[in-house]
Amino acid sequence: MDYRVAVDHVSKTYRLGKVGVTALDDVSFSVATAEFVAIAGPSGSGKTTLLNLIGCLDTPTAGEILIDGEPVSALSAGERADLRARKLGFVFQTFNLIPVLTAYENVEYALLIRRRGGDTATPVRAALEQVGLGDRAAHRPSELSGGQQQRVAIARALVGDPALVLADEPTANLDSHTGQEIVELMRQLNRERGTTFVFSTHDPRIMKAADRMLEISDGRLR
């Protein structure tokens, strides 16, 4: 089996003054290349913490995470940033678009911070076309609907051709019809591009579309 992600006995404890709060407790699982996986659980269950660890935005207290077989816990902050730039894309619940930039510029920015030289126009326009927003490239976020903003966010995540996209509650701020469209779009991109997707979600539509669902509660997989 070709694994994109391996989470090996990972725990995460946060210190709040003298008190330790365990967000994850001895979690182990793997995600195969091109899988579409949902991590489901109630608020406070550890879903976002787990995504942040896989995304190299934080480090575990114990255990190891491997991306394409590469252990990431011992990497420096700069090395983790480089790995994120090379291999990871992110889609957030609140879109996280830069309001003064157009849709085109928001997607292009993702390439610029990855320090990709050469032509940016071709991949940026291709990414916007792929999410159905080729005709909205010059619009700023305030001129786009919530669903269109999330499509821009998906284009931004995919423009660098990442191996893995991490999506944290990507449909939570969308109405039911738009949320369904976003789920179908991401599933289509997963099948066409072979990009691995890992979601944290409460959304039954994502759970239904997933190849596999992992349930987490109180920091432990069920």
C-alpha atoms as a PDB file:
ATOM      1  CA  MET A   1       0.000   0.000   0.000  1.00  0.00           C
ATOM      2  CA  ASP A   2       1.290   3.471  -0.954  1.00  0.00           C
ATOM      3  CA  TYR A   3       0.632   5.721   2.059  1.00  0.00           C
ATOM      4  CA  ARG A   4       0.505   9.499   1.770  1.00  0.00           C
ATOM      5  CA  VAL A   5       0.159  10.062   5.537  1.00  0.00           C
ATOM      6  CA  ALA A   6       1.025   7.883   8.518  1.00  0.00           C
ATOM      7  CA  VAL A   7       0.087   8.950  12.047  1.00  0.00           C
ATOM      8  CA  ASP A   8       1.942   6.758  14.534  1.00  0.00           C
ATOM      9  CA  HIS A   9       0.885   6.800  18.211  1.00  0.00           C
ATOM     10  CA  VAL A  10       0.474  10.576  18.229  1.00  0.00           C
ATOM     11  CA  SER A  11      -0.510  12.487  21.359  1.00  0.00           C
ATOM     12  CA  LYS A  12      -0.819  16.225  21.889  1.00  0.00           C
ATOM     13  CA  THR A  13      -1.022  17.942  25.271  1.00  0.00           C
ATOM     14  CA  TYR A  14      -1.398  21.693  25.722  1.00  0.00           C
ATOM     15  CA  ARG A  15      -0.316  23.471  28.876  1.00  0.00           C
ATOM     16  CA  LEU A  16      -2.797  25.914  30.400  1.00  0.00           C
ATOM     17  CA  GLY A  17      -0.858  27.306  33.314  1.00  0.00           C
ATOM     18  CA  LYS A  18      -0.031  24.315  35.506  1.00  0.00           C
ATOM     19  CA  VAL A  19      -2.733  22.173  33.921  1.00  0.00           C
ATOM     20  CA  GLY A  20      -2.177  19.831  30.985  1.00  0.00           C
ATOM     21  CA  VAL A  21      -5.051  19.414  28.520  1.00  0.00           C
ATOM     22  CA  THR A  22      -4.847  16.344  26.291  1.00  0.00           C
ATOM     23  CA  ALA A  23      -6.193  17.101  22.818  1.00  0.00           C
ATOM     24  CA  LEU A  24      -5.052  13.815  21.221  1.00  0.00           C
ATOM     25  CA  ASP A  25      -4.296  10.553  22.974  1.00  0.00           C
ATOM     26  CA  ASP A  26      -2.274   7.811  21.209  1.00  0.00           C
ATOM     27  CA  VAL A  27      -3.802   8.217  17.734  1.00  0.00           C
ATOM     28  CA  SER A  28      -2.639   5.951  14.898  1.00  0.00           C
ATOM     29  CA  PHE A  29      -3.896   5.612  11.323  1.00  0.00           C
ATOM     30  CA  SER A  30      -2.713   5.968   7.739  1.00  0.00           C
ATOM     31  CA  VAL A  31      -4.111   7.518   4.580  1.00  0.00           C
ATOM     32  CA  ALA A  32      -3.356   6.019   1.186  1.00  0.00           C
ATOM     33  CA  THR A  33      -2.356   8.064  -1.829  1.00  0.00           C
ATOM     34  CA  ALA A  34      -5.446   9.482  -3.600  1.00  0.00           C
ATOM     35  CA  GLU A  35      -7.768   8.606  -0.699  1.00  0.00           C
ATOM     36  CA  PHE A  36     -10.679  10.900   0.263  1.00  0.00           C
ATOM     37  CA  VAL A  37     -10.897  10.589   4.050  1.00  0.00           C
ATOM     38  CA  ALA A  38     -13.213  12.271   6.557  1.00  0.00           C
ATOM     39  CA  ILE A  39     -12.346  12.711  10.226  1.00  0.00           C
ATOM     40  CA  ALA A  40     -15.629  13.148  12.085  1.00  0.00           C
ATOM     41  CA  GLY A  41     -16.405  13.984  15.667  1.00  0.00           C
ATOM     42  CA  PRO A  42     -18.051  16.550  17.937  1.00  0.00           C
ATOM     43  CA  SER A  43     -16.597  19.991  18.640  1.00  0.00           C
ATOM     44  CA  GLY A  44     -13.568  19.679  20.893  1.00  0.00           C
ATOM     45  CA  SER A  45     -12.899  16.081  19.890  1.00  0.00           C
ATOM     46  CA  GLY A  46      -9.433  16.820  18.452  1.00  0.00           C
ATOM     47  CA  LYS A  47     -10.211  17.007  14.724  1.00  0.00           C
ATOM     48  CA  THR A  48      -8.622  20.382  14.064  1.00  0.00           C
ATOM     49  CA  THR A  49      -5.635  19.603  16.278  1.00  0.00           C
ATOM     50  CA  LEU A  50      -5.042  16.457  14.238  1.00  0.00           C
ATOM     51  CA  LEU A  51      -5.236  18.355  10.939  1.00  0.00           C
ATOM     52  CA  ASN A  52      -2.843  21.001  12.268  1.00  0.00           C
ATOM     53  CA  LEU A  53      -0.328  18.299  13.177  1.00  0.00           C
ATOM     54  CA  ILE A  54      -0.602  16.587   9.788  1.00  0.00           C
ATOM     55  CA  GLY A  55      -0.287  20.008   8.155  1.00  0.00           C
ATOM     56  CA  CYS A  56       2.972  20.724   9.996  1.00  0.00           C
ATOM     57  CA  LEU A  57       1.394  23.754  11.680  1.00  0.00           C
ATOM     58  CA  ASP A  58       2.118  22.205  15.082  1.00  0.00           C
ATOM     59  CA  THR A  59       4.174  19.337  16.485  1.00  0.00           C
ATOM     60  CA  PRO A  60       3.005  16.357  18.558  1.00  0.00           C
ATOM     61  CA  THR A  61       3.905  15.896  22.206  1.00  0.00           C
ATOM     62  CA  ALA A  62       4.561  12.212  21.499  1.00  0.00           C
ATOM     63  CA  GLY A  63       4.524   9.949  18.467  1.00  0.00           C
ATOM     64  CA  GLU A  64       5.394  10.620  14.841  1.00  0.00           C
ATOM     65  CA  ILE A  65       3.737  11.819  11.646  1.00  0.00           C
ATOM     66  CA  LEU A  66       5.130  10.879   8.253  1.00  0.00           C
ATOM     67  CA  ILE A  67       4.289  12.576   4.948  1.00  0.00           C
ATOM     68  CA  ASP A  68       5.284  10.398   1.987  1.00  0.00           C
ATOM     69  CA  GLY A  69       7.442   8.423   4.400  1.00  0.00           C
ATOM     70  CA  GLU A  70       9.237  11.535   5.694  1.00  0.00           C
ATOM     71  CA  PRO A  71       9.121  11.999   9.504  1.00  0.00           C
ATOM     72  CA  VAL A  72       8.167  15.577  10.274  1.00  0.00           C
ATOM     73  CA  SER A  73       8.280  15.954  14.073  1.00  0.00           C
ATOM     74  CA  ALA A  74      11.995  16.656  14.251  1.00  0.00           C
ATOM     75  CA  LEU A  75      12.016  19.134  11.355  1.00  0.00           C
ATOM     76  CA  SER A  76      12.843  22.746  12.104  1.00  0.00           C
ATOM     77  CA  ALA A  77      10.195  25.433  11.626  1.00  0.00           C
ATOM     78  CA  GLY A  78      11.815  26.378   8.320  1.00  0.00           C
ATOM     79  CA  GLU A  79      11.901  22.771   7.130  1.00  0.00           C
ATOM     80  CA  ARG A  80       8.227  22.307   8.041  1.00  0.00           C
ATOM     81  CA  ALA A  81       7.376  25.476   6.106  1.00  0.00           C
ATOM     82  CA  ASP A  82       9.264  24.118   3.097  1.00  0.00           C
ATOM     83  CA  LEU A  83       7.405  20.801   3.323  1.00  0.00           C
ATOM     84  CA  ARG A  84       4.062  22.640   3.482  1.00  0.00           C
ATOM     85  CA  ALA A  85       5.027  24.641   0.396  1.00  0.00           C
ATOM     86  CA  ARG A  86       6.085  21.551  -1.543  1.00  0.00           C
ATOM     87  CA  LYS A  87       3.408  19.044  -0.624  1.00  0.00           C
ATOM     88  CA  LEU A  88       0.405  20.502   1.192  1.00  0.00           C
ATOM     89  CA  GLY A  89      -2.669  22.572   0.398  1.00  0.00           C
ATOM     90  CA  PHE A  90      -5.191  23.939   2.889  1.00  0.00           C
ATOM     91  CA  VAL A  91      -8.904  24.759   2.706  1.00  0.00           C
ATOM     92  CA  PHE A  92     -10.421  26.540   5.702  1.00  0.00           C
ATOM     93  CA  GLN A  93     -13.913  26.952   7.083  1.00  0.00           C
ATOM     94  CA  THR A  94     -13.703  30.756   6.842  1.00  0.00           C
ATOM     95  CA  PHE A  95     -12.086  30.799   3.363  1.00  0.00           C
ATOM     96  CA  ASN A  96      -9.143  32.974   4.582  1.00  0.00           C
ATOM     97  CA  LEU A  97      -8.935  34.944   1.348  1.00  0.00           C
ATOM     98  CA  ILE A  98      -7.074  38.259   1.322  1.00  0.00           C
ATOM     99  CA  PRO A  99      -9.866  40.830   0.881  1.00  0.00           C
ATOM    100  CA  VAL A 100      -7.880  43.427  -1.098  1.00  0.00           C
ATOM    101  CA  LEU A 101      -6.728  40.866  -3.682  1.00  0.00           C
ATOM    102  CA  THR A 102      -8.742  39.568  -6.622  1.00  0.00           C
ATOM    103  CA  ALA A 103      -9.563  35.887  -7.025  1.00  0.00           C
ATOM    104  CA  TYR A 104      -6.656  35.627  -9.467  1.00  0.00           C
ATOM    105  CA  GLU A 105      -4.260  37.341  -7.064  1.00  0.00           C
ATOM    106  CA  ASN A 106      -5.355  35.197  -4.112  1.00  0.00           C
ATOM    107  CA  VAL A 107      -4.560  32.042  -6.071  1.00  0.00           C
ATOM    108  CA  GLU A 108      -1.333  33.480  -7.495  1.00  0.00           C
ATOM    109  CA  TYR A 109      -0.179  34.418  -3.997  1.00  0.00           C
ATOM    110  CA  ALA A 110      -0.103  30.731  -3.082  1.00  0.00           C
ATOM    111  CA  LEU A 111       2.419  30.148  -5.864  1.00  0.00           C
ATOM    112  CA  LEU A 112       4.506  33.179  -4.895  1.00  0.00           C
ATOM    113  CA  ILE A 113       4.905  32.097  -1.269  1.00  0.00           C
ATOM    114  CA  ARG A 114       5.950  28.668  -2.525  1.00  0.00           C
ATOM    115  CA  ARG A 115       8.745  30.489  -4.331  1.00  0.00           C
ATOM    116  CA  ARG A 116       7.762  28.970  -7.675  1.00  0.00           C
ATOM    117  CA  GLY A 117       9.571  30.811 -10.445  1.00  0.00           C
ATOM    118  CA  GLY A 118       8.523  31.254 -14.051  1.00  0.00           C
ATOM    119  CA  ASP A 119       5.026  31.531 -15.437  1.00  0.00           C
ATOM    120  CA  THR A 120       2.255  31.908 -12.864  1.00  0.00           C
ATOM    121  CA  ALA A 121      -0.548  33.007 -15.186  1.00  0.00           C
ATOM    122  CA  THR A 122      -1.062  29.602 -16.804  1.00  0.00           C
ATOM    123  CA  PRO A 123      -1.451  27.521 -13.614  1.00  0.00           C
ATOM    124  CA  VAL A 124      -3.522  30.230 -11.874  1.00  0.00           C
ATOM    125  CA  ARG A 125      -5.996  30.527 -14.723  1.00  0.00           C
ATOM    126  CA  ALA A 126      -6.138  26.745 -15.079  1.00  0.00           C
ATOM    127  CA  ALA A 127      -6.924  26.371 -11.362  1.00  0.00           C
ATOM    128  CA  LEU A 128      -9.708  28.971 -11.530  1.00  0.00           C
ATOM    129  CA  GLU A 129     -11.143  27.338 -14.651  1.00  0.00           C
ATOM    130  CA  GLN A 130     -11.087  23.954 -12.946  1.00  0.00           C
ATOM    131  CA  VAL A 131     -13.255  25.247 -10.089  1.00  0.00           C
ATOM    132  CA  GLY A 132     -15.603  27.031 -12.485  1.00  0.00           C
ATOM    133  CA  LEU A 133     -14.447  30.603 -11.815  1.00  0.00           C
ATOM    134  CA  GLY A 134     -12.523  31.502 -14.926  1.00  0.00           C
ATOM    135  CA  ASP A 135     -14.867  34.434 -15.472  1.00  0.00           C
ATOM    136  CA  ARG A 136     -14.486  35.727 -11.892  1.00  0.00           C
ATOM    137  CA  ALA A 137     -10.686  36.126 -11.857  1.00  0.00           C
ATOM    138  CA  ALA A 138     -10.839  39.925 -11.496  1.00  0.00           C
ATOM    139  CA  HIS A 139     -13.408  39.920  -8.666  1.00  0.00           C
ATOM    140  CA  ARG A 140     -12.450  40.544  -5.035  1.00  0.00           C
ATOM    141  CA  PRO A 141     -13.864  38.302  -2.263  1.00  0.00           C
ATOM    142  CA  SER A 142     -16.522  40.882  -1.333  1.00  0.00           C
ATOM    143  CA  GLU A 143     -17.874  40.577  -4.873  1.00  0.00           C
ATOM    144  CA  LEU A 144     -18.206  36.793  -4.655  1.00  0.00           C
ATOM    145  CA  SER A 145     -20.734  34.539  -2.936  1.00  0.00           C
ATOM    146  CA  GLY A 146     -19.668  32.251  -0.094  1.00  0.00           C
ATOM    147  CA  GLY A 147     -19.578  29.286  -2.447  1.00  0.00           C
ATOM    148  CA  GLN A 148     -17.488  31.195  -4.971  1.00  0.00           C
ATOM    149  CA  GLN A 149     -15.069  32.259  -2.239  1.00  0.00           C
ATOM    150  CA  GLN A 150     -14.648  28.641  -1.179  1.00  0.00           C
ATOM    151  CA  ARG A 151     -14.014  27.695  -4.821  1.00  0.00           C
ATOM    152  CA  VAL A 152     -11.241  30.310  -4.918  1.00  0.00           C
ATOM    153  CA  ALA A 153      -9.856  28.789  -1.718  1.00  0.00           C
ATOM    154  CA  ILE A 154      -9.887  25.335  -3.334  1.00  0.00           C
ATOM    155  CA  ALA A 155      -8.116  26.714  -6.423  1.00  0.00           C
ATOM    156  CA  ARG A 156      -5.536  28.308  -4.131  1.00  0.00           C
ATOM    157  CA  ALA A 157      -4.996  24.977  -2.355  1.00  0.00           C
ATOM    158  CA  LEU A 158      -4.571  23.065  -5.615  1.00  0.00           C
ATOM    159  CA  VAL A 159      -2.587  25.521  -7.735  1.00  0.00           C
ATOM    160  CA  GLY A 160       0.792  24.253  -6.556  1.00  0.00           C
ATOM    161  CA  ASP A 161      -0.245  20.660  -7.345  1.00  0.00           C
ATOM    162  CA  PRO A 162       0.079  19.453  -3.733  1.00  0.00           C
ATOM    163  CA  ALA A 163       0.173  15.789  -2.851  1.00  0.00           C
ATOM    164  CA  LEU A 164      -2.226  16.324   0.058  1.00  0.00           C
ATOM    165  CA  VAL A 165      -5.067  18.779   0.719  1.00  0.00           C
ATOM    166  CA  LEU A 166      -6.265  19.285   4.302  1.00  0.00           C
ATOM    167  CA  ALA A 167      -9.764  20.741   4.609  1.00  0.00           C
ATOM    168  CA  ASP A 168     -11.011  21.941   8.004  1.00  0.00           C
ATOM    169  CA  GLU A 169     -14.853  22.066   8.025  1.00  0.00           C
ATOM    170  CA  PRO A 170     -14.882  23.419   4.433  1.00  0.00           C
ATOM    171  CA  THR A 171     -18.696  23.438   4.098  1.00  0.00           C
ATOM    172  CA  ALA A 172     -19.598  24.712   7.583  1.00  0.00           C
ATOM    173  CA  ASN A 173     -20.296  28.303   6.485  1.00  0.00           C
ATOM    174  CA  LEU A 174     -22.202  27.404   3.331  1.00  0.00           C
ATOM    175  CA  ASP A 175     -25.897  26.772   2.679  1.00  0.00           C
ATOM    176  CA  SER A 176     -26.919  23.191   1.957  1.00  0.00           C
ATOM    177  CA  HIS A 177     -27.060  23.526  -1.844  1.00  0.00           C
ATOM    178  CA  THR A 178     -23.702  25.300  -2.088  1.00  0.00           C
ATOM    179  CA  GLY A 179     -22.158  22.877   0.398  1.00  0.00           C
ATOM    180  CA  GLN A 180     -23.225  19.946  -1.766  1.00  0.00           C
ATOM    181  CA  GLU A 181     -21.659  21.604  -4.821  1.00  0.00           C
ATOM    182  CA  ILE A 182     -18.373  22.073  -2.955  1.00  0.00           C
ATOM    183  CA  VAL A 183     -18.343  18.438  -1.813  1.00  0.00           C
ATOM    184  CA  GLU A 184     -18.968  17.250  -5.378  1.00  0.00           C
ATOM    185  CA  LEU A 185     -16.256  19.571  -6.717  1.00  0.00           C
ATOM    186  CA  MET A 186     -13.632  18.319  -4.291  1.00  0.00           C
ATOM    187  CA  ARG A 187     -14.563  14.706  -4.961  1.00  0.00           C
ATOM    188  CA  GLN A 188     -14.288  15.334  -8.706  1.00  0.00           C
ATOM    189  CA  LEU A 189     -10.861  16.940  -8.292  1.00  0.00           C
ATOM    190  CA  ASN A 190      -9.756  14.026  -6.118  1.00  0.00           C
ATOM    191  CA  ARG A 191     -10.712  11.543  -8.829  1.00  0.00           C
ATOM    192  CA  GLU A 192      -9.319  13.544 -11.746  1.00  0.00           C
ATOM    193  CA  ARG A 193      -6.040  14.626 -10.167  1.00  0.00           C
ATOM    194  CA  GLY A 194      -5.391  11.821  -7.703  1.00  0.00           C
ATOM    195  CA  THR A 195      -4.891  14.378  -4.938  1.00  0.00           C
ATOM    196  CA  THR A 196      -5.278  12.995  -1.418  1.00  0.00           C
ATOM    197  CA  PHE A 197      -7.926  14.811   0.663  1.00  0.00           C
ATOM    198  CA  VAL A 198      -8.290  14.666   4.447  1.00  0.00           C
ATOM    199  CA  PHE A 199     -11.226  16.519   6.024  1.00  0.00           C
ATOM    200  CA  SER A 200     -12.331  17.413   9.496  1.00  0.00           C
ATOM    201  CA  THR A 201     -16.094  17.675   9.336  1.00  0.00           C
ATOM    202  CA  HIS A 202     -19.543  17.473  10.868  1.00  0.00           C
ATOM    203  CA  ASP A 203     -21.103  17.376   7.380  1.00  0.00           C
ATOM    204  CA  PRO A 204     -22.889  14.097   6.539  1.00  0.00           C
ATOM    205  CA  ARG A 205     -22.450  14.854   2.822  1.00  0.00           C
ATOM    206  CA  ILE A 206     -18.672  14.716   3.160  1.00  0.00           C
ATOM    207  CA  MET A 207     -18.935  11.572   5.284  1.00  0.00           C
ATOM    208  CA  LYS A 208     -21.090   9.950   2.603  1.00  0.00           C
ATOM    209  CA  ALA A 209     -18.713  10.954  -0.193  1.00  0.00           C
ATOM    210  CA  ALA A 210     -15.605   9.785   1.666  1.00  0.00           C
ATOM    211  CA  ASP A 211     -13.773   6.580   0.850  1.00  0.00           C
ATOM    212  CA  ARG A 212     -13.395   6.088   4.578  1.00  0.00           C
ATOM    213  CA  MET A 213     -14.482   7.823   7.763  1.00  0.00           C
ATOM    214  CA  LEU A 214     -12.493   8.020  10.984  1.00  0.00           C
ATOM    215  CA  GLU A 215     -14.426   8.857  14.137  1.00  0.00           C
ATOM    216  CA  ILE A 216     -12.709  10.726  16.933  1.00  0.00           C
ATOM    217  CA  SER A 217     -13.975  11.500  20.429  1.00  0.00           C
ATOM    218  CA  ASP A 218     -12.133  13.014  23.384  1.00  0.00           C
ATOM    219  CA  GLY A 219      -8.876  12.844  21.451  1.00  0.00           C
ATOM    220  CA  ARG A 220      -9.058   9.133  20.659  1.00  0.00           C
ATOM    221  CA  LEU A 221     -10.086   7.279  17.525  1.00  0.00           C
ATOM    222  CA  ARG A 222     -13.075   5.019  18.071  1.00  0.00           C
END
